[in-house]
Amino acid sequence: MKDGLIDPRHSVQIGIRTWNDDFMGIHILDATWMHRHGTDAVIAEVERIVGDRPAYFTFDIDCLDPAFAPGTGTPVCGGLSTAQALAIIRGFTGLNLIGMDIVEVAPAYDHSQITALAAAHIACDLICLYAKSKT
């Protein structure tokens, strides 16, 4: 952000459950907000903030509750379900998506491969979303 590569006025973080005294101007829709308002409200708020600007989507797997993604370095209870995350992603068909990634999958902690399965489905949906944004 200090180099001007990210515009915090048009950036959103969804599902966070930890606190930082300085979010550097990024809009935060934490897990509690999402649980209270629902996936449709998250989609609408992100579309309002991002608008038609080019958007890079990074998916941090630990936004999911450890019941759905135990294989991460920082599991924190109270996160999103896989179904909620997929509904949000599928709702972003209006975004001008220019790239995406998935981070924080830790195979050493993913003894049952639940996290890898969630990440694979999320990656597939992100690829479909990216392809749709290019049409």
N, C-alpha and C. Protein backbone atom coordinates (compact mmCIF):
# COMPACT_ATOMS: atom_id res chain seq x y z
N MET A 1 0.83 -1.19 0.00
CA MET A 1 0.00 0.00 0.00
C MET A 1 0.87 1.25 0.00
N LYS A 2 1.97 1.19 0.70
CA LYS A 2 2.85 2.35 0.76
C LYS A 2 3.46 2.66 -0.59
N ASP A 3 3.58 1.63 -1.45
CA ASP A 3 4.12 1.83 -2.79
C ASP A 3 3.05 2.19 -3.80
N GLY A 4 1.80 2.27 -3.35
CA GLY A 4 0.71 2.64 -4.25
C GLY A 4 0.20 1.51 -5.11
N LEU A 5 0.57 0.29 -4.80
CA LEU A 5 0.12 -0.85 -5.59
C LEU A 5 -1.29 -1.30 -5.23
N ILE A 6 -1.70 -1.01 -4.00
CA ILE A 6 -3.04 -1.35 -3.52
C ILE A 6 -3.73 -0.06 -3.09
N ASP A 7 -4.96 0.11 -3.54
CA ASP A 7 -5.76 1.27 -3.13
C ASP A 7 -6.68 0.83 -2.01
N PRO A 8 -6.36 1.16 -0.76
CA PRO A 8 -7.16 0.68 0.36
C PRO A 8 -8.61 1.17 0.33
N ARG A 9 -8.87 2.29 -0.33
CA ARG A 9 -10.25 2.79 -0.41
C ARG A 9 -11.15 1.84 -1.19
N HIS A 10 -10.53 0.99 -2.02
CA HIS A 10 -11.30 0.07 -2.86
C HIS A 10 -10.89 -1.38 -2.62
N SER A 11 -10.38 -1.64 -1.40
CA SER A 11 -9.95 -2.98 -1.02
C SER A 11 -10.80 -3.47 0.15
N VAL A 12 -11.07 -4.77 0.17
CA VAL A 12 -11.94 -5.36 1.19
C VAL A 12 -11.31 -6.64 1.71
N GLN A 13 -11.40 -6.84 3.01
CA GLN A 13 -10.99 -8.10 3.61
C GLN A 13 -12.23 -8.73 4.22
N ILE A 14 -12.49 -9.98 3.86
CA ILE A 14 -13.71 -10.69 4.30
C ILE A 14 -13.32 -11.84 5.22
N GLY A 15 -14.01 -11.96 6.33
CA GLY A 15 -13.91 -13.15 7.18
C GLY A 15 -12.85 -13.12 8.25
N ILE A 16 -12.13 -12.03 8.39
CA ILE A 16 -11.07 -11.97 9.39
C ILE A 16 -11.66 -12.11 10.79
N ARG A 17 -10.90 -12.76 11.69
CA ARG A 17 -11.34 -12.92 13.07
C ARG A 17 -10.30 -12.45 14.06
N THR A 18 -9.20 -11.95 13.57
CA THR A 18 -8.18 -11.39 14.45
C THR A 18 -8.23 -9.87 14.35
N TRP A 19 -7.56 -9.19 15.24
CA TRP A 19 -7.63 -7.74 15.27
C TRP A 19 -6.25 -7.14 15.07
N ASN A 20 -6.24 -6.02 14.38
CA ASN A 20 -5.03 -5.26 14.15
C ASN A 20 -5.39 -3.80 14.40
N ASP A 21 -4.57 -3.07 15.11
CA ASP A 21 -4.87 -1.67 15.39
C ASP A 21 -4.83 -0.79 14.15
N ASP A 22 -4.17 -1.26 13.09
CA ASP A 22 -4.08 -0.45 11.88
C ASP A 22 -4.37 -1.33 10.66
N PHE A 23 -5.60 -1.24 10.15
CA PHE A 23 -5.97 -1.98 8.95
C PHE A 23 -5.61 -1.21 7.69
N MET A 24 -4.90 -0.10 7.86
CA MET A 24 -4.37 0.70 6.76
C MET A 24 -5.43 1.18 5.78
N GLY A 25 -6.64 1.40 6.28
CA GLY A 25 -7.70 1.95 5.45
C GLY A 25 -8.48 0.92 4.66
N ILE A 26 -8.12 -0.35 4.76
CA ILE A 26 -8.85 -1.40 4.04
C ILE A 26 -10.18 -1.64 4.74
N HIS A 27 -11.23 -1.80 3.96
CA HIS A 27 -12.56 -2.11 4.50
C HIS A 27 -12.55 -3.53 5.05
N ILE A 28 -13.11 -3.72 6.23
CA ILE A 28 -13.13 -5.01 6.88
C ILE A 28 -14.56 -5.49 7.04
N LEU A 29 -14.86 -6.65 6.47
CA LEU A 29 -16.13 -7.34 6.70
C LEU A 29 -15.75 -8.62 7.44
N ASP A 30 -15.63 -8.50 8.75
CA ASP A 30 -15.14 -9.64 9.51
C ASP A 30 -16.17 -10.76 9.56
N ALA A 31 -15.77 -11.89 10.11
CA ALA A 31 -16.65 -13.06 10.15
C ALA A 31 -17.94 -12.75 10.90
N THR A 32 -17.85 -12.00 11.98
CA THR A 32 -19.05 -11.65 12.74
C THR A 32 -20.01 -10.85 11.87
N TRP A 33 -19.49 -9.88 11.11
CA TRP A 33 -20.32 -9.08 10.21
C TRP A 33 -20.99 -9.98 9.17
N MET A 34 -20.21 -10.90 8.60
CA MET A 34 -20.76 -11.81 7.58
C MET A 34 -21.84 -12.69 8.17
N HIS A 35 -21.61 -13.23 9.36
CA HIS A 35 -22.62 -14.09 9.99
C HIS A 35 -23.89 -13.29 10.31
N ARG A 36 -23.74 -12.05 10.68
CA ARG A 36 -24.88 -11.21 11.03
C ARG A 36 -25.67 -10.79 9.79
N HIS A 37 -24.98 -10.42 8.72
CA HIS A 37 -25.63 -9.83 7.55
C HIS A 37 -25.84 -10.80 6.39
N GLY A 38 -25.06 -11.84 6.30
CA GLY A 38 -25.24 -12.85 5.27
C GLY A 38 -24.39 -12.64 4.03
N THR A 39 -24.36 -13.67 3.20
CA THR A 39 -23.51 -13.66 2.02
C THR A 39 -23.96 -12.63 0.99
N ASP A 40 -25.26 -12.44 0.82
CA ASP A 40 -25.74 -11.45 -0.16
C ASP A 40 -25.29 -10.04 0.21
N ALA A 41 -25.27 -9.73 1.50
CA ALA A 41 -24.82 -8.40 1.94
C ALA A 41 -23.32 -8.24 1.71
N VAL A 42 -22.55 -9.32 1.90
CA VAL A 42 -21.11 -9.26 1.64
C VAL A 42 -20.88 -8.97 0.16
N ILE A 43 -21.57 -9.68 -0.70
CA ILE A 43 -21.42 -9.48 -2.14
C ILE A 43 -21.75 -8.04 -2.52
N ALA A 44 -22.87 -7.54 -2.04
CA ALA A 44 -23.29 -6.18 -2.37
C ALA A 44 -22.28 -5.15 -1.87
N GLU A 45 -21.77 -5.34 -0.67
CA GLU A 45 -20.82 -4.38 -0.10
C GLU A 45 -19.50 -4.40 -0.86
N VAL A 46 -19.03 -5.57 -1.22
CA VAL A 46 -17.78 -5.66 -2.00
C VAL A 46 -17.97 -5.01 -3.36
N GLU A 47 -19.09 -5.27 -4.02
CA GLU A 47 -19.35 -4.65 -5.32
C GLU A 47 -19.41 -3.13 -5.20
N ARG A 48 -19.97 -2.63 -4.10
CA ARG A 48 -20.04 -1.18 -3.89
C ARG A 48 -18.64 -0.59 -3.71
N ILE A 49 -17.81 -1.26 -2.93
CA ILE A 49 -16.47 -0.75 -2.63
C ILE A 49 -15.53 -0.87 -3.83
N VAL A 50 -15.55 -2.00 -4.50
CA VAL A 50 -14.63 -2.26 -5.60
C VAL A 50 -15.11 -1.60 -6.90
N GLY A 51 -16.41 -1.64 -7.13
CA GLY A 51 -16.96 -1.07 -8.36
C GLY A 51 -16.46 -1.81 -9.58
N ASP A 52 -16.16 -1.07 -10.65
CA ASP A 52 -15.70 -1.71 -11.89
C ASP A 52 -14.18 -1.66 -12.05
N ARG A 53 -13.49 -1.33 -10.97
CA ARG A 53 -12.04 -1.28 -11.00
C ARG A 53 -11.45 -2.68 -11.15
N PRO A 54 -10.26 -2.79 -11.71
CA PRO A 54 -9.60 -4.10 -11.75
C PRO A 54 -9.43 -4.65 -10.33
N ALA A 55 -9.75 -5.93 -10.16
CA ALA A 55 -9.73 -6.54 -8.82
C ALA A 55 -8.86 -7.78 -8.82
N TYR A 56 -8.01 -7.88 -7.80
CA TYR A 56 -7.23 -9.08 -7.55
C TYR A 56 -7.84 -9.76 -6.34
N PHE A 57 -8.13 -11.03 -6.45
CA PHE A 57 -8.82 -11.78 -5.39
C PHE A 57 -7.83 -12.75 -4.77
N THR A 58 -7.47 -12.52 -3.52
CA THR A 58 -6.64 -13.46 -2.80
C THR A 58 -7.52 -14.14 -1.76
N PHE A 59 -7.50 -15.45 -1.72
CA PHE A 59 -8.32 -16.20 -0.78
C PHE A 59 -7.41 -16.83 0.26
N ASP A 60 -7.52 -16.34 1.48
CA ASP A 60 -6.75 -16.88 2.60
C ASP A 60 -7.61 -17.98 3.23
N ILE A 61 -7.18 -19.22 3.09
CA ILE A 61 -7.99 -20.37 3.51
C ILE A 61 -8.35 -20.32 4.99
N ASP A 62 -7.56 -19.59 5.79
CA ASP A 62 -7.90 -19.57 7.21
C ASP A 62 -9.05 -18.61 7.54
N CYS A 63 -9.69 -18.02 6.51
CA CYS A 63 -10.95 -17.31 6.78
C CYS A 63 -12.06 -18.33 7.06
N LEU A 64 -11.82 -19.58 6.65
CA LEU A 64 -12.78 -20.63 6.94
C LEU A 64 -12.62 -21.10 8.38
N ASP A 65 -13.71 -21.50 8.97
CA ASP A 65 -13.66 -22.07 10.32
C ASP A 65 -12.81 -23.34 10.29
N PRO A 66 -12.07 -23.62 11.37
CA PRO A 66 -11.25 -24.83 11.40
C PRO A 66 -12.02 -26.12 11.15
N ALA A 67 -13.33 -26.13 11.36
CA ALA A 67 -14.12 -27.32 11.04
C ALA A 67 -14.11 -27.60 9.54
N PHE A 68 -13.91 -26.56 8.73
CA PHE A 68 -13.91 -26.69 7.27
C PHE A 68 -12.51 -26.61 6.67
N ALA A 69 -11.55 -26.11 7.44
CA ALA A 69 -10.17 -25.98 6.95
C ALA A 69 -9.20 -26.05 8.12
N PRO A 70 -8.99 -27.26 8.66
CA PRO A 70 -8.08 -27.38 9.80
C PRO A 70 -6.61 -27.24 9.42
N GLY A 71 -6.29 -27.44 8.15
CA GLY A 71 -4.91 -27.46 7.70
C GLY A 71 -4.38 -26.09 7.33
N THR A 72 -4.27 -25.24 8.33
CA THR A 72 -3.70 -23.90 8.14
C THR A 72 -2.86 -23.57 9.35
N GLY A 73 -1.97 -22.63 9.19
CA GLY A 73 -1.07 -22.28 10.29
C GLY A 73 -1.74 -21.47 11.39
N THR A 74 -2.86 -20.82 11.09
CA THR A 74 -3.51 -19.97 12.08
C THR A 74 -5.02 -20.24 12.15
N PRO A 75 -5.43 -21.42 12.62
CA PRO A 75 -6.86 -21.71 12.73
C PRO A 75 -7.49 -20.90 13.86
N VAL A 76 -8.61 -20.23 13.54
CA VAL A 76 -9.34 -19.44 14.54
C VAL A 76 -10.82 -19.78 14.40
N CYS A 77 -11.46 -20.16 15.50
CA CYS A 77 -12.87 -20.53 15.47
C CYS A 77 -13.75 -19.34 15.08
N GLY A 78 -14.93 -19.66 14.56
CA GLY A 78 -15.91 -18.63 14.23
C GLY A 78 -15.85 -18.15 12.80
N GLY A 79 -15.14 -18.86 11.95
CA GLY A 79 -14.99 -18.43 10.56
C GLY A 79 -16.14 -18.84 9.67
N LEU A 80 -15.96 -18.60 8.39
CA LEU A 80 -16.96 -18.92 7.39
C LEU A 80 -16.98 -20.42 7.14
N SER A 81 -18.12 -20.90 6.65
CA SER A 81 -18.20 -22.28 6.18
C SER A 81 -17.74 -22.30 4.72
N THR A 82 -17.45 -23.48 4.23
CA THR A 82 -17.09 -23.60 2.82
C THR A 82 -18.25 -23.17 1.95
N ALA A 83 -19.48 -23.53 2.32
CA ALA A 83 -20.66 -23.14 1.54
C ALA A 83 -20.80 -21.62 1.48
N GLN A 84 -20.56 -20.94 2.59
CA GLN A 84 -20.65 -19.47 2.60
C GLN A 84 -19.58 -18.86 1.69
N ALA A 85 -18.36 -19.37 1.78
CA ALA A 85 -17.27 -18.85 0.95
C ALA A 85 -17.57 -19.05 -0.53
N LEU A 86 -18.06 -20.23 -0.90
CA LEU A 86 -18.38 -20.49 -2.30
C LEU A 86 -19.53 -19.61 -2.78
N ALA A 87 -20.53 -19.38 -1.93
CA ALA A 87 -21.64 -18.50 -2.30
C ALA A 87 -21.16 -17.08 -2.56
N ILE A 88 -20.24 -16.62 -1.73
CA ILE A 88 -19.69 -15.27 -1.92
C ILE A 88 -18.91 -15.21 -3.23
N ILE A 89 -18.03 -16.17 -3.46
CA ILE A 89 -17.25 -16.18 -4.69
C ILE A 89 -18.16 -16.21 -5.91
N ARG A 90 -19.16 -17.07 -5.89
CA ARG A 90 -20.08 -17.20 -7.02
C ARG A 90 -20.90 -15.95 -7.24
N GLY A 91 -21.03 -15.13 -6.21
CA GLY A 91 -21.77 -13.89 -6.33
C GLY A 91 -20.97 -12.75 -6.93
N PHE A 92 -19.68 -12.94 -7.14
CA PHE A 92 -18.82 -11.87 -7.64
C PHE A 92 -18.72 -11.84 -9.16
N THR A 93 -19.73 -12.29 -9.87
CA THR A 93 -19.67 -12.34 -11.33
C THR A 93 -19.59 -10.95 -11.96
N GLY A 94 -19.93 -9.91 -11.24
CA GLY A 94 -19.84 -8.56 -11.80
C GLY A 94 -18.49 -7.89 -11.62
N LEU A 95 -17.57 -8.52 -10.90
CA LEU A 95 -16.26 -7.90 -10.67
C LEU A 95 -15.36 -8.01 -11.90
N ASN A 96 -14.49 -7.03 -12.03
CA ASN A 96 -13.50 -7.00 -13.10
C ASN A 96 -12.25 -7.70 -12.59
N LEU A 97 -12.30 -9.02 -12.51
CA LEU A 97 -11.24 -9.82 -11.92
C LEU A 97 -10.05 -9.95 -12.88
N ILE A 98 -8.87 -9.59 -12.38
CA ILE A 98 -7.66 -9.66 -13.21
C ILE A 98 -6.67 -10.72 -12.72
N GLY A 99 -6.93 -11.31 -11.56
CA GLY A 99 -6.05 -12.34 -11.04
C GLY A 99 -6.53 -12.83 -9.69
N MET A 100 -5.98 -13.95 -9.26
CA MET A 100 -6.39 -14.52 -7.98
C MET A 100 -5.36 -15.53 -7.49
N ASP A 101 -5.44 -15.82 -6.19
CA ASP A 101 -4.62 -16.88 -5.61
C ASP A 101 -5.29 -17.39 -4.34
N ILE A 102 -4.76 -18.50 -3.84
CA ILE A 102 -5.21 -19.08 -2.57
C ILE A 102 -3.96 -19.26 -1.72
N VAL A 103 -4.03 -18.83 -0.47
CA VAL A 103 -2.87 -18.91 0.42
C VAL A 103 -3.22 -19.59 1.74
N GLU A 104 -2.20 -19.99 2.45
CA GLU A 104 -2.25 -20.51 3.82
C GLU A 104 -2.69 -21.96 3.95
N VAL A 105 -2.77 -22.72 2.88
CA VAL A 105 -3.01 -24.16 3.01
C VAL A 105 -1.72 -24.78 3.52
N ALA A 106 -1.81 -25.49 4.63
CA ALA A 106 -0.63 -26.10 5.25
C ALA A 106 -0.82 -27.62 5.29
N PRO A 107 -0.31 -28.33 4.27
CA PRO A 107 -0.51 -29.78 4.20
C PRO A 107 -0.08 -30.55 5.45
N ALA A 108 0.93 -30.08 6.14
CA ALA A 108 1.39 -30.79 7.35
C ALA A 108 0.32 -30.83 8.43
N TYR A 109 -0.60 -29.87 8.44
CA TYR A 109 -1.67 -29.83 9.44
C TYR A 109 -2.99 -30.35 8.90
N ASP A 110 -3.01 -30.77 7.64
CA ASP A 110 -4.25 -31.16 6.97
C ASP A 110 -4.34 -32.68 6.90
N HIS A 111 -4.41 -33.32 8.07
CA HIS A 111 -4.34 -34.78 8.15
C HIS A 111 -5.44 -35.50 7.38
N SER A 112 -6.60 -34.90 7.24
CA SER A 112 -7.71 -35.55 6.54
C SER A 112 -7.95 -34.97 5.15
N GLN A 113 -7.11 -34.04 4.73
CA GLN A 113 -7.18 -33.37 3.42
C GLN A 113 -8.47 -32.57 3.21
N ILE A 114 -9.13 -32.18 4.31
CA ILE A 114 -10.33 -31.35 4.22
C ILE A 114 -9.97 -29.98 3.67
N THR A 115 -8.87 -29.43 4.12
CA THR A 115 -8.44 -28.10 3.68
C THR A 115 -8.08 -28.12 2.20
N ALA A 116 -7.36 -29.15 1.77
CA ALA A 116 -7.00 -29.26 0.36
C ALA A 116 -8.23 -29.39 -0.52
N LEU A 117 -9.21 -30.13 -0.06
CA LEU A 117 -10.46 -30.28 -0.81
C LEU A 117 -11.18 -28.94 -0.92
N ALA A 118 -11.27 -28.21 0.19
CA ALA A 118 -11.89 -26.88 0.17
C ALA A 118 -11.14 -25.95 -0.78
N ALA A 119 -9.82 -25.96 -0.69
CA ALA A 119 -9.01 -25.09 -1.55
C ALA A 119 -9.19 -25.44 -3.02
N ALA A 120 -9.28 -26.73 -3.33
CA ALA A 120 -9.47 -27.14 -4.72
C ALA A 120 -10.80 -26.65 -5.27
N HIS A 121 -11.85 -26.77 -4.48
CA HIS A 121 -13.17 -26.28 -4.93
C HIS A 121 -13.17 -24.76 -5.08
N ILE A 122 -12.54 -24.09 -4.15
CA ILE A 122 -12.45 -22.62 -4.22
C ILE A 122 -11.64 -22.21 -5.45
N ALA A 123 -10.54 -22.89 -5.70
CA ALA A 123 -9.72 -22.58 -6.88
C ALA A 123 -10.52 -22.78 -8.16
N CYS A 124 -11.27 -23.86 -8.23
CA CYS A 124 -12.09 -24.13 -9.42
C CYS A 124 -13.10 -23.00 -9.62
N ASP A 125 -13.77 -22.59 -8.56
CA ASP A 125 -14.75 -21.50 -8.67
C ASP A 125 -14.08 -20.18 -9.03
N LEU A 126 -12.88 -19.93 -8.50
CA LEU A 126 -12.16 -18.71 -8.85
C LEU A 126 -11.77 -18.71 -10.33
N ILE A 127 -11.35 -19.86 -10.83
CA ILE A 127 -11.00 -19.95 -12.25
C ILE A 127 -12.23 -19.70 -13.11
N CYS A 128 -13.37 -20.27 -12.73
CA CYS A 128 -14.62 -20.02 -13.47
C CYS A 128 -15.00 -18.55 -13.39
N LEU A 129 -14.84 -17.95 -12.24
CA LEU A 129 -15.14 -16.53 -12.07
C LEU A 129 -14.23 -15.68 -12.95
N TYR A 130 -12.96 -16.02 -12.98
CA TYR A 130 -12.00 -15.31 -13.81
C TYR A 130 -12.36 -15.44 -15.29
N ALA A 131 -12.70 -16.65 -15.72
CA ALA A 131 -13.09 -16.86 -17.12
C ALA A 131 -14.33 -16.06 -17.46
N LYS A 132 -15.29 -16.02 -16.56
CA LYS A 132 -16.53 -15.28 -16.81
C LYS A 132 -16.25 -13.78 -16.89
N SER A 133 -15.31 -13.29 -16.08
CA SER A 133 -15.01 -11.86 -16.09
C SER A 133 -14.32 -11.43 -17.39
N LYS A 134 -13.78 -12.39 -18.11
CA LYS A 134 -13.08 -12.08 -19.36
C LYS A 134 -14.01 -12.11 -20.58
N THR A 135 -15.27 -12.53 -20.39
CA THR A 135 -16.20 -12.59 -21.52
C THR A 135 -16.93 -11.29 -21.72
